Amino acid sequence: MAKLAFLGLGVMGYPMAVHLKAAGHDVSVYNRTSAKAEAWAKQHGGQACVTPREAAEGAEFVMACVGNDDDLRAICLGDDGAFAGMAAGSCFVDHTTVSAKVTAELYGTAKEMGVAFVDAPVSGGQAGAENGVLSVMCGGDAVEYARAEPIMAAYARICRRIGESGAGQMTKMCNQIAIAGLVQGLSEALHFAQEAGLNGRDVVEVISQGAAGSWQMSNRHETMLDDKFEHGFAVDWMRKDLGICLETADEIGASLPVTALVDQFYKDVQKMGGGRWDTSSLIKRLGSKA
């Protein structure tokens, strides 16, 4: 078993760190709000640290799941950052959804220090993290990925190296692009069913068994019809991710017309006060009768 550090104990990171501890690893944790790290350590038997550097000292692997590019830089760099505490030959695994730009920056900095860096964003939401069935899409050196993959297996249903550094983040962008269109399509279908006087649940029971079926349909139609959105992946975070997708699309010359449109629909949801609602709340802006 390995000596590990986990940085960032949000709705995803908290249970991911739990799975690592349950797998028998020696886990130190850090969180910007120290009380959460202390609570985690008290409940699960790890060590709470006051800085990323302290958590990373002596760790073979440092895992992170924070908010955005700036948050990731903050926990990696500087005198109190994780890189300052990591020994040559150790490995930093980033589960945050960030830009490929910051991934390239930190990969280069880590390499200069003799530290490995694997970008490994995840999909599966809070439930996937809690149940240990996340999809992990990775970029980085093949040898370093091979070292890290058995560690990530503690919370992964599938873990795959897609390519060199940044490939994991690019794949996560594909994931968010696909989800955006699916959720909008599902929202319109349920809205249409309601306006037509149909029973939405009956409609989904039938169409989910054919070509229209999706994870979103199976897992979100009930709460959408019940007008309940206080769960799941927040609209604010989805807009952050879609912003990364659209910026990257401009850089590489990709066309994302549907993604750009759905991003504006999520902006409408934010204006409705739904920044913390689940992404399935797109149906709210259609004037759902639910």
C-alpha atoms as a PDB file:
ATOM      1  CA  MET A   1       0.000   0.000   0.000  1.00  0.00           C
ATOM      2  CA  ALA A   2       1.146   3.526  -0.752  1.00  0.00           C
ATOM      3  CA  LYS A   3       1.565   6.744   1.207  1.00  0.00           C
ATOM      4  CA  LEU A   4      -0.816   9.224  -0.414  1.00  0.00           C
ATOM      5  CA  ALA A   5      -2.052  12.786  -0.134  1.00  0.00           C
ATOM      6  CA  PHE A   6      -5.453  13.999  -1.269  1.00  0.00           C
ATOM      7  CA  LEU A   7      -5.966  17.726  -1.842  1.00  0.00           C
ATOM      8  CA  GLY A   8      -9.518  19.053  -2.042  1.00  0.00           C
ATOM      9  CA  LEU A   9     -12.382  17.488  -0.101  1.00  0.00           C
ATOM     10  CA  GLY A  10     -15.437  18.721  -1.972  1.00  0.00           C
ATOM     11  CA  VAL A  11     -18.402  16.602  -3.026  1.00  0.00           C
ATOM     12  CA  MET A  12     -16.084  14.563  -5.270  1.00  0.00           C
ATOM     13  CA  GLY A  13     -12.807  14.597  -3.402  1.00  0.00           C
ATOM     14  CA  TYR A  14     -14.178  13.682   0.010  1.00  0.00           C
ATOM     15  CA  PRO A  15     -15.525  10.240  -0.997  1.00  0.00           C
ATOM     16  CA  MET A  16     -12.608   9.593  -3.362  1.00  0.00           C
ATOM     17  CA  ALA A  17     -10.225  10.007  -0.429  1.00  0.00           C
ATOM     18  CA  VAL A  18     -12.432   7.661   1.595  1.00  0.00           C
ATOM     19  CA  HIS A  19     -12.065   4.953  -1.059  1.00  0.00           C
ATOM     20  CA  LEU A  20      -8.285   5.332  -0.991  1.00  0.00           C
ATOM     21  CA  LYS A  21      -8.254   4.912   2.783  1.00  0.00           C
ATOM     22  CA  ALA A  22     -10.598   1.918   2.540  1.00  0.00           C
ATOM     23  CA  ALA A  23      -8.217   0.326   0.045  1.00  0.00           C
ATOM     24  CA  GLY A  24      -5.575   0.337   2.762  1.00  0.00           C
ATOM     25  CA  HIS A  25      -3.484   3.339   1.752  1.00  0.00           C
ATOM     26  CA  ASP A  26      -1.933   5.779   4.225  1.00  0.00           C
ATOM     27  CA  VAL A  27      -3.804   8.991   3.372  1.00  0.00           C
ATOM     28  CA  SER A  28      -3.071  12.584   4.408  1.00  0.00           C
ATOM     29  CA  VAL A  29      -5.634  15.208   3.406  1.00  0.00           C
ATOM     30  CA  TYR A  30      -5.729  18.932   2.806  1.00  0.00           C
ATOM     31  CA  ASN A  31      -8.700  21.208   2.228  1.00  0.00           C
ATOM     32  CA  ARG A  32      -8.864  24.991   1.928  1.00  0.00           C
ATOM     33  CA  THR A  33     -11.458  24.927   4.724  1.00  0.00           C
ATOM     34  CA  SER A  34      -9.368  23.147   7.338  1.00  0.00           C
ATOM     35  CA  ALA A  35     -12.384  22.054   9.405  1.00  0.00           C
ATOM     36  CA  LYS A  36     -13.442  19.718   6.622  1.00  0.00           C
ATOM     37  CA  ALA A  37     -10.008  18.077   6.515  1.00  0.00           C
ATOM     38  CA  GLU A  38     -10.040  17.685  10.282  1.00  0.00           C
ATOM     39  CA  ALA A  39     -13.510  16.108  10.147  1.00  0.00           C
ATOM     40  CA  TRP A  40     -12.390  13.713   7.415  1.00  0.00           C
ATOM     41  CA  ALA A  41      -9.317  12.679   9.396  1.00  0.00           C
ATOM     42  CA  LYS A  42     -11.312  12.180  12.577  1.00  0.00           C
ATOM     43  CA  GLN A  43     -13.876  10.019  10.826  1.00  0.00           C
ATOM     44  CA  HIS A  44     -11.558   7.985   8.608  1.00  0.00           C
ATOM     45  CA  GLY A  45      -8.294   7.886  10.498  1.00  0.00           C
ATOM     46  CA  GLY A  46      -6.035   9.848   8.176  1.00  0.00           C
ATOM     47  CA  GLN A  47      -3.959  12.933   8.885  1.00  0.00           C
ATOM     48  CA  ALA A  48      -5.260  16.456   8.306  1.00  0.00           C
ATOM     49  CA  CYS A  49      -2.630  18.908   7.060  1.00  0.00           C
ATOM     50  CA  VAL A  50      -2.626  22.694   7.087  1.00  0.00           C
ATOM     51  CA  THR A  51      -0.903  23.199   3.718  1.00  0.00           C
ATOM     52  CA  PRO A  52      -0.685  21.219   0.465  1.00  0.00           C
ATOM     53  CA  ARG A  53       3.074  21.031   0.984  1.00  0.00           C
ATOM     54  CA  GLU A  54       2.684  19.368   4.369  1.00  0.00           C
ATOM     55  CA  ALA A  55       0.248  16.823   2.936  1.00  0.00           C
ATOM     56  CA  ALA A  56       2.548  16.059   0.011  1.00  0.00           C
ATOM     57  CA  GLU A  57       5.731  15.550   2.011  1.00  0.00           C
ATOM     58  CA  GLY A  58       6.748  11.906   1.857  1.00  0.00           C
ATOM     59  CA  ALA A  59       3.808  10.937  -0.367  1.00  0.00           C
ATOM     60  CA  GLU A  60       4.382   8.637  -3.320  1.00  0.00           C
ATOM     61  CA  PHE A  61       1.235   9.967  -4.985  1.00  0.00           C
ATOM     62  CA  VAL A  62      -0.559  13.267  -4.519  1.00  0.00           C
ATOM     63  CA  MET A  63      -4.142  13.318  -5.782  1.00  0.00           C
ATOM     64  CA  ALA A  64      -6.096  16.535  -6.256  1.00  0.00           C
ATOM     65  CA  CYS A  65      -9.687  17.485  -7.001  1.00  0.00           C
ATOM     66  CA  VAL A  66     -10.305  21.213  -6.643  1.00  0.00           C
ATOM     67  CA  GLY A  67     -12.359  23.833  -8.487  1.00  0.00           C
ATOM     68  CA  ASN A  68     -10.638  25.505 -11.423  1.00  0.00           C
ATOM     69  CA  ASP A  69      -7.325  26.538 -12.986  1.00  0.00           C
ATOM     70  CA  ASP A  70      -6.506  29.094 -10.301  1.00  0.00           C
ATOM     71  CA  ASP A  71      -7.359  26.683  -7.483  1.00  0.00           C
ATOM     72  CA  LEU A  72      -5.105  24.056  -9.017  1.00  0.00           C
ATOM     73  CA  ARG A  73      -2.196  26.464  -9.390  1.00  0.00           C
ATOM     74  CA  ALA A  74      -2.696  27.563  -5.784  1.00  0.00           C
ATOM     75  CA  ILE A  75      -2.332  24.066  -4.356  1.00  0.00           C
ATOM     76  CA  CYS A  76       0.579  23.121  -6.621  1.00  0.00           C
ATOM     77  CA  LEU A  77       2.848  26.162  -6.687  1.00  0.00           C
ATOM     78  CA  GLY A  78       4.563  28.426  -4.186  1.00  0.00           C
ATOM     79  CA  ASP A  79       6.322  27.753  -0.906  1.00  0.00           C
ATOM     80  CA  ASP A  80       3.254  26.039   0.584  1.00  0.00           C
ATOM     81  CA  GLY A  81       2.281  24.236  -2.628  1.00  0.00           C
ATOM     82  CA  ALA A  82       2.346  20.495  -3.105  1.00  0.00           C
ATOM     83  CA  PHE A  83       5.234  20.565  -5.586  1.00  0.00           C
ATOM     84  CA  ALA A  84       7.484  22.102  -2.923  1.00  0.00           C
ATOM     85  CA  GLY A  85       6.888  19.088  -0.693  1.00  0.00           C
ATOM     86  CA  MET A  86       7.092  16.341  -3.306  1.00  0.00           C
ATOM     87  CA  ALA A  87      10.231  14.256  -3.708  1.00  0.00           C
ATOM     88  CA  ALA A  88      11.732  13.418  -7.083  1.00  0.00           C
ATOM     89  CA  GLY A  89      10.068  10.315  -8.474  1.00  0.00           C
ATOM     90  CA  SER A  90       6.700  10.985  -6.843  1.00  0.00           C
ATOM     91  CA  CYS A  91       3.546  11.508  -8.915  1.00  0.00           C
ATOM     92  CA  PHE A  92       0.867  14.209  -8.934  1.00  0.00           C
ATOM     93  CA  VAL A  93      -2.548  13.055 -10.225  1.00  0.00           C
ATOM     94  CA  ASP A  94      -4.976  15.844 -11.038  1.00  0.00           C
ATOM     95  CA  HIS A  95      -8.674  14.919 -11.026  1.00  0.00           C
ATOM     96  CA  THR A  96      -9.835  18.525 -11.442  1.00  0.00           C
ATOM     97  CA  THR A  97     -11.551  19.556 -14.668  1.00  0.00           C
ATOM     98  CA  VAL A  98      -9.305  22.360 -15.895  1.00  0.00           C
ATOM     99  CA  SER A  99      -7.954  23.776 -19.140  1.00  0.00           C
ATOM    100  CA  ALA A 100      -5.367  21.920 -21.179  1.00  0.00           C
ATOM    101  CA  LYS A 101      -3.324  25.130 -20.875  1.00  0.00           C
ATOM    102  CA  VAL A 102      -2.833  24.893 -17.110  1.00  0.00           C
ATOM    103  CA  THR A 103      -2.222  21.159 -17.448  1.00  0.00           C
ATOM    104  CA  ALA A 104       0.643  21.811 -19.881  1.00  0.00           C
ATOM    105  CA  GLU A 105       2.038  24.476 -17.549  1.00  0.00           C
ATOM    106  CA  LEU A 106       2.013  22.269 -14.463  1.00  0.00           C
ATOM    107  CA  TYR A 107       3.211  19.177 -16.323  1.00  0.00           C
ATOM    108  CA  GLY A 108       6.260  21.168 -17.457  1.00  0.00           C
ATOM    109  CA  THR A 109       6.954  22.577 -14.001  1.00  0.00           C
ATOM    110  CA  ALA A 110       6.635  19.162 -12.385  1.00  0.00           C
ATOM    111  CA  LYS A 111       8.923  17.554 -14.949  1.00  0.00           C
ATOM    112  CA  GLU A 112      11.642  20.138 -14.250  1.00  0.00           C
ATOM    113  CA  MET A 113      11.438  19.078 -10.596  1.00  0.00           C
ATOM    114  CA  GLY A 114      11.632  15.369 -11.377  1.00  0.00           C
ATOM    115  CA  VAL A 115       7.969  14.892 -10.445  1.00  0.00           C
ATOM    116  CA  ALA A 116       5.435  13.099 -12.656  1.00  0.00           C
ATOM    117  CA  PHE A 117       2.120  14.766 -13.547  1.00  0.00           C
ATOM    118  CA  VAL A 118      -0.949  12.866 -14.794  1.00  0.00           C
ATOM    119  CA  ASP A 119      -4.105  14.739 -15.796  1.00  0.00           C
ATOM    120  CA  ALA A 120      -7.033  12.528 -14.830  1.00  0.00           C
ATOM    121  CA  PRO A 121     -10.405  14.316 -14.823  1.00  0.00           C
ATOM    122  CA  VAL A 122     -13.396  12.214 -13.840  1.00  0.00           C
ATOM    123  CA  SER A 123     -17.007  11.723 -14.849  1.00  0.00           C
ATOM    124  CA  GLY A 124     -19.820  10.149 -12.874  1.00  0.00           C
ATOM    125  CA  GLY A 125     -20.790  12.905 -10.487  1.00  0.00           C
ATOM    126  CA  GLN A 126     -21.148  12.766  -6.726  1.00  0.00           C
ATOM    127  CA  ALA A 127     -22.902   9.395  -6.850  1.00  0.00           C
ATOM    128  CA  GLY A 128     -20.088   7.939  -8.928  1.00  0.00           C
ATOM    129  CA  ALA A 129     -17.523   9.222  -6.441  1.00  0.00           C
ATOM    130  CA  GLU A 130     -19.439   7.891  -3.451  1.00  0.00           C
ATOM    131  CA  ASN A 131     -19.945   4.475  -5.046  1.00  0.00           C
ATOM    132  CA  GLY A 132     -16.411   4.241  -6.417  1.00  0.00           C
ATOM    133  CA  VAL A 133     -17.514   3.892 -10.044  1.00  0.00           C
ATOM    134  CA  LEU A 134     -16.044   6.959 -11.736  1.00  0.00           C
ATOM    135  CA  SER A 135     -14.839   7.097 -15.316  1.00  0.00           C
ATOM    136  CA  VAL A 136     -11.280   8.418 -15.274  1.00  0.00           C
ATOM    137  CA  MET A 137      -9.766   9.772 -18.491  1.00  0.00           C
ATOM    138  CA  CYS A 138      -6.032  10.318 -18.371  1.00  0.00           C
ATOM    139  CA  GLY A 139      -3.168  12.036 -20.116  1.00  0.00           C
ATOM    140  CA  GLY A 140       0.526  11.845 -19.361  1.00  0.00           C
ATOM    141  CA  ASP A 141       3.589   9.671 -19.726  1.00  0.00           C
ATOM    142  CA  ALA A 142       2.674   6.011 -20.196  1.00  0.00           C
ATOM    143  CA  VAL A 143       5.057   4.769 -17.498  1.00  0.00           C
ATOM    144  CA  GLU A 144       3.726   7.218 -14.923  1.00  0.00           C
ATOM    145  CA  TYR A 145       0.121   6.413 -15.790  1.00  0.00           C
ATOM    146  CA  ALA A 146       0.873   2.714 -15.279  1.00  0.00           C
ATOM    147  CA  ARG A 147       2.158   3.521 -11.792  1.00  0.00           C
ATOM    148  CA  ALA A 148      -0.887   5.593 -10.894  1.00  0.00           C
ATOM    149  CA  GLU A 149      -3.619   3.406 -12.407  1.00  0.00           C
ATOM    150  CA  PRO A 150      -3.724   0.858  -9.527  1.00  0.00           C
ATOM    151  CA  ILE A 151      -4.167   3.729  -7.068  1.00  0.00           C
ATOM    152  CA  MET A 152      -7.025   5.281  -9.056  1.00  0.00           C
ATOM    153  CA  ALA A 153      -8.689   1.866  -9.269  1.00  0.00           C
ATOM    154  CA  ALA A 154     -10.004   2.471  -5.727  1.00  0.00           C
ATOM    155  CA  TYR A 155     -12.725   4.772  -7.112  1.00  0.00           C
ATOM    156  CA  ALA A 156     -12.843   3.947 -10.825  1.00  0.00           C
ATOM    157  CA  ARG A 157     -15.175   1.814 -12.896  1.00  0.00           C
ATOM    158  CA  ILE A 158     -12.949   2.502 -15.883  1.00  0.00           C
ATOM    159  CA  CYS A 159      -9.575   4.210 -16.010  1.00  0.00           C
ATOM    160  CA  ARG A 160      -7.929   4.763 -19.374  1.00  0.00           C
ATOM    161  CA  ARG A 161      -4.881   6.614 -20.676  1.00  0.00           C
ATOM    162  CA  ILE A 162      -5.972   8.464 -23.806  1.00  0.00           C
ATOM    163  CA  GLY A 163      -2.619   9.967 -24.766  1.00  0.00           C
ATOM    164  CA  GLU A 164       0.110  12.396 -23.787  1.00  0.00           C
ATOM    165  CA  SER A 165      -0.246  15.184 -21.226  1.00  0.00           C
ATOM    166  CA  GLY A 166      -3.502  17.103 -21.737  1.00  0.00           C
ATOM    167  CA  ALA A 167      -5.327  14.244 -23.452  1.00  0.00           C
ATOM    168  CA  GLY A 168      -7.318  13.532 -20.292  1.00  0.00           C
ATOM    169  CA  GLN A 169      -8.590  17.102 -20.127  1.00  0.00           C
ATOM    170  CA  MET A 170      -9.424  17.100 -23.843  1.00  0.00           C
ATOM    171  CA  THR A 171     -11.424  13.898 -23.342  1.00  0.00           C
ATOM    172  CA  LYS A 172     -13.303  15.448 -20.417  1.00  0.00           C
ATOM    173  CA  MET A 173     -14.236  18.299 -22.742  1.00  0.00           C
ATOM    174  CA  CYS A 174     -15.725  15.735 -25.142  1.00  0.00           C
ATOM    175  CA  ASN A 175     -17.684  14.339 -22.196  1.00  0.00           C
ATOM    176  CA  GLN A 176     -19.150  17.725 -21.251  1.00  0.00           C
ATOM    177  CA  ILE A 177     -19.943  18.593 -24.874  1.00  0.00           C
ATOM    178  CA  ALA A 178     -21.913  15.356 -25.220  1.00  0.00           C
ATOM    179  CA  ILE A 179     -23.764  15.870 -21.934  1.00  0.00           C
ATOM    180  CA  ALA A 180     -24.812  19.439 -22.779  1.00  0.00           C
ATOM    181  CA  GLY A 181     -26.628  18.377 -25.926  1.00  0.00           C
ATOM    182  CA  LEU A 182     -28.176  15.321 -24.278  1.00  0.00           C
ATOM    183  CA  VAL A 183     -29.628  17.258 -21.347  1.00  0.00           C
ATOM    184  CA  GLN A 184     -31.115  19.907 -23.607  1.00  0.00           C
ATOM    185  CA  GLY A 185     -32.668  17.222 -25.818  1.00  0.00           C
ATOM    186  CA  LEU A 186     -34.117  15.408 -22.800  1.00  0.00           C
ATOM    187  CA  SER A 187     -35.475  18.682 -21.392  1.00  0.00           C
ATOM    188  CA  GLU A 188     -37.228  19.472 -24.657  1.00  0.00           C
ATOM    189  CA  ALA A 189     -38.651  15.941 -24.919  1.00  0.00           C
ATOM    190  CA  LEU A 190     -40.126  16.054 -21.409  1.00  0.00           C
ATOM    191  CA  HIS A 191     -41.427  19.579 -21.937  1.00  0.00           C
ATOM    192  CA  PHE A 192     -43.044  18.527 -25.208  1.00  0.00           C
ATOM    193  CA  ALA A 193     -44.650  15.497 -23.535  1.00  0.00           C
ATOM    194  CA  GLN A 194     -46.143  17.690 -20.818  1.00  0.00           C
ATOM    195  CA  GLU A 195     -47.470  20.264 -23.286  1.00  0.00           C
ATOM    196  CA  ALA A 196     -49.008  17.427 -25.309  1.00  0.00           C
ATOM    197  CA  GLY A 197     -50.827  16.110 -22.228  1.00  0.00           C
ATOM    198  CA  LEU A 198     -48.791  12.915 -22.031  1.00  0.00           C
ATOM    199  CA  ASN A 199     -47.574  11.169 -18.895  1.00  0.00           C
ATOM    200  CA  GLY A 200     -43.853  11.883 -18.900  1.00  0.00           C
ATOM    201  CA  ARG A 201     -42.955   8.753 -16.964  1.00  0.00           C
ATOM    202  CA  ASP A 202     -44.854   6.541 -19.392  1.00  0.00           C
ATOM    203  CA  VAL A 203     -43.149   8.263 -22.298  1.00  0.00           C
ATOM    204  CA  VAL A 204     -39.686   7.713 -20.814  1.00  0.00           C
ATOM    205  CA  GLU A 205     -40.431   4.079 -19.965  1.00  0.00           C
ATOM    206  CA  VAL A 206     -41.028   3.424 -23.642  1.00  0.00           C
ATOM    207  CA  ILE A 207     -38.481   5.619 -25.395  1.00  0.00           C
ATOM    208  CA  SER A 208     -35.647   4.827 -22.969  1.00  0.00           C
ATOM    209  CA  GLN A 209     -35.643   1.259 -24.271  1.00  0.00           C
ATOM    210  CA  GLY A 210     -34.854   2.420 -27.802  1.00  0.00           C
ATOM    211  CA  ALA A 211     -32.337   4.661 -29.517  1.00  0.00           C
ATOM    212  CA  ALA A 212     -33.283   7.678 -27.357  1.00  0.00           C
ATOM    213  CA  GLY A 213     -32.083   6.042 -24.144  1.00  0.00           C
ATOM    214  CA  SER A 214     -29.212   7.603 -22.199  1.00  0.00           C
ATOM    215  CA  TRP A 215     -27.732   7.827 -18.709  1.00  0.00           C
ATOM    216  CA  GLN A 216     -29.316  11.247 -18.341  1.00  0.00           C
ATOM    217  CA  MET A 217     -32.747   9.898 -19.251  1.00  0.00           C
ATOM    218  CA  SER A 218     -32.484   6.932 -16.882  1.00  0.00           C
ATOM    219  CA  ASN A 219     -31.088   8.882 -13.930  1.00  0.00           C
ATOM    220  CA  ARG A 220     -32.606  12.337 -14.240  1.00  0.00           C
ATOM    221  CA  HIS A 221     -36.105  12.136 -15.773  1.00  0.00           C
ATOM    222  CA  GLU A 222     -37.826  11.453 -12.436  1.00  0.00           C
ATOM    223  CA  THR A 223     -36.337  14.468 -10.683  1.00  0.00           C
ATOM    224  CA  MET A 224     -36.904  16.646 -13.744  1.00  0.00           C
ATOM    225  CA  LEU A 225     -40.585  15.734 -13.805  1.00  0.00           C
ATOM    226  CA  ASP A 226     -40.779  16.324 -10.048  1.00  0.00           C
ATOM    227  CA  ASP A 227     -39.110  19.736 -10.387  1.00  0.00           C
ATOM    228  CA  LYS A 228     -36.302  18.745  -8.007  1.00  0.00           C
ATOM    229  CA  PHE A 229     -32.783  19.932  -8.728  1.00  0.00           C
ATOM    230  CA  GLU A 230     -31.016  20.189  -5.370  1.00  0.00           C
ATOM    231  CA  HIS A 231     -28.543  17.433  -6.216  1.00  0.00           C
ATOM    232  CA  GLY A 232     -25.928  16.395  -8.730  1.00  0.00           C
ATOM    233  CA  PHE A 233     -23.527  18.490 -10.798  1.00  0.00           C
ATOM    234  CA  ALA A 234     -24.110  22.216 -10.411  1.00  0.00           C
ATOM    235  CA  VAL A 235     -24.910  24.555 -13.298  1.00  0.00           C
ATOM    236  CA  ASP A 236     -22.125  26.911 -12.170  1.00  0.00           C
ATOM    237  CA  TRP A 237     -19.567  24.134 -12.605  1.00  0.00           C
ATOM    238  CA  MET A 238     -21.023  23.083 -15.935  1.00  0.00           C
ATOM    239  CA  ARG A 239     -20.697  26.630 -17.253  1.00  0.00           C
ATOM    240  CA  LYS A 240     -17.078  26.656 -16.080  1.00  0.00           C
ATOM    241  CA  ASP A 241     -16.464  23.420 -17.992  1.00  0.00           C
ATOM    242  CA  LEU A 242     -18.302  24.551 -21.120  1.00  0.00           C
ATOM    243  CA  GLY A 243     -16.304  27.775 -21.070  1.00  0.00           C
ATOM    244  CA  ILE A 244     -13.143  25.672 -21.223  1.00  0.00           C
ATOM    245  CA  CYS A 245     -14.626  23.645 -24.091  1.00  0.00           C
ATOM    246  CA  LEU A 246     -15.561  26.709 -26.114  1.00  0.00           C
ATOM    247  CA  GLU A 247     -12.241  28.457 -25.542  1.00  0.00           C
ATOM    248  CA  THR A 248     -10.353  25.331 -26.588  1.00  0.00           C
ATOM    249  CA  ALA A 249     -12.589  24.891 -29.627  1.00  0.00           C
ATOM    250  CA  ASP A 250     -11.617  28.371 -30.793  1.00  0.00           C
ATOM    251  CA  GLU A 251      -7.943  27.517 -30.336  1.00  0.00           C
ATOM    252  CA  ILE A 252      -8.069  24.259 -32.322  1.00  0.00           C
ATOM    253  CA  GLY A 253     -10.636  25.318 -34.932  1.00  0.00           C
ATOM    254  CA  ALA A 254     -13.469  23.031 -33.816  1.00  0.00           C
ATOM    255  CA  SER A 255     -17.112  24.008 -34.350  1.00  0.00           C
ATOM    256  CA  LEU A 256     -19.432  23.640 -31.345  1.00  0.00           C
ATOM    257  CA  PRO A 257     -22.686  25.414 -32.250  1.00  0.00           C
ATOM    258  CA  VAL A 258     -24.964  23.320 -30.016  1.00  0.00           C
ATOM    259  CA  THR A 259     -22.573  23.555 -27.070  1.00  0.00           C
ATOM    260  CA  ALA A 260     -22.398  27.340 -27.415  1.00  0.00           C
ATOM    261  CA  LEU A 261     -26.188  27.547 -27.467  1.00  0.00           C
ATOM    262  CA  VAL A 262     -26.681  25.289 -24.438  1.00  0.00           C
ATOM    263  CA  ASP A 263     -24.054  27.282 -22.548  1.00  0.00           C
ATOM    264  CA  GLN A 264     -26.281  30.347 -22.997  1.00  0.00           C
ATOM    265  CA  PHE A 265     -29.284  28.332 -21.835  1.00  0.00           C
ATOM    266  CA  TYR A 266     -27.362  27.519 -18.649  1.00  0.00           C
ATOM    267  CA  LYS A 267     -26.692  31.238 -18.299  1.00  0.00           C
ATOM    268  CA  ASP A 268     -30.473  31.711 -18.313  1.00  0.00           C
ATOM    269  CA  VAL A 269     -30.765  29.152 -15.509  1.00  0.00           C
ATOM    270  CA  GLN A 270     -28.175  31.056 -13.495  1.00  0.00           C
ATOM    271  CA  LYS A 271     -30.243  34.219 -13.920  1.00  0.00           C
ATOM    272  CA  MET A 272     -33.208  32.260 -12.531  1.00  0.00           C
ATOM    273  CA  GLY A 273     -31.172  31.651  -9.365  1.00  0.00           C
ATOM    274  CA  GLY A 274     -30.219  28.122 -10.337  1.00  0.00           C
ATOM    275  CA  GLY A 275     -26.447  28.297 -10.236  1.00  0.00           C
ATOM    276  CA  ARG A 276     -26.304  25.465  -7.700  1.00  0.00           C
ATOM    277  CA  TRP A 277     -29.066  23.403  -9.310  1.00  0.00           C
ATOM    278  CA  ASP A 278     -28.263  20.163 -11.079  1.00  0.00           C
ATOM    279  CA  THR A 279     -27.527  20.459 -14.801  1.00  0.00           C
ATOM    280  CA  SER A 280     -30.856  18.784 -15.591  1.00  0.00           C
ATOM    281  CA  SER A 281     -32.519  22.061 -14.546  1.00  0.00           C
ATOM    282  CA  LEU A 282     -32.387  23.155 -18.192  1.00  0.00           C
ATOM    283  CA  ILE A 283     -36.030  22.106 -18.287  1.00  0.00           C
ATOM    284  CA  LYS A 284     -36.883  25.005 -15.948  1.00  0.00           C
ATOM    285  CA  ARG A 285     -36.230  27.615 -18.619  1.00  0.00           C
ATOM    286  CA  LEU A 286     -38.773  25.917 -20.918  1.00  0.00           C
ATOM    287  CA  GLY A 287     -41.611  26.783 -18.576  1.00  0.00           C
ATOM    288  CA  SER A 288     -42.133  23.242 -17.332  1.00  0.00           C
ATOM    289  CA  LYS A 289     -45.519  22.443 -15.814  1.00  0.00           C
ATOM    290  CA  ALA A 290     -43.859  20.020 -13.411  1.00  0.00           C
END
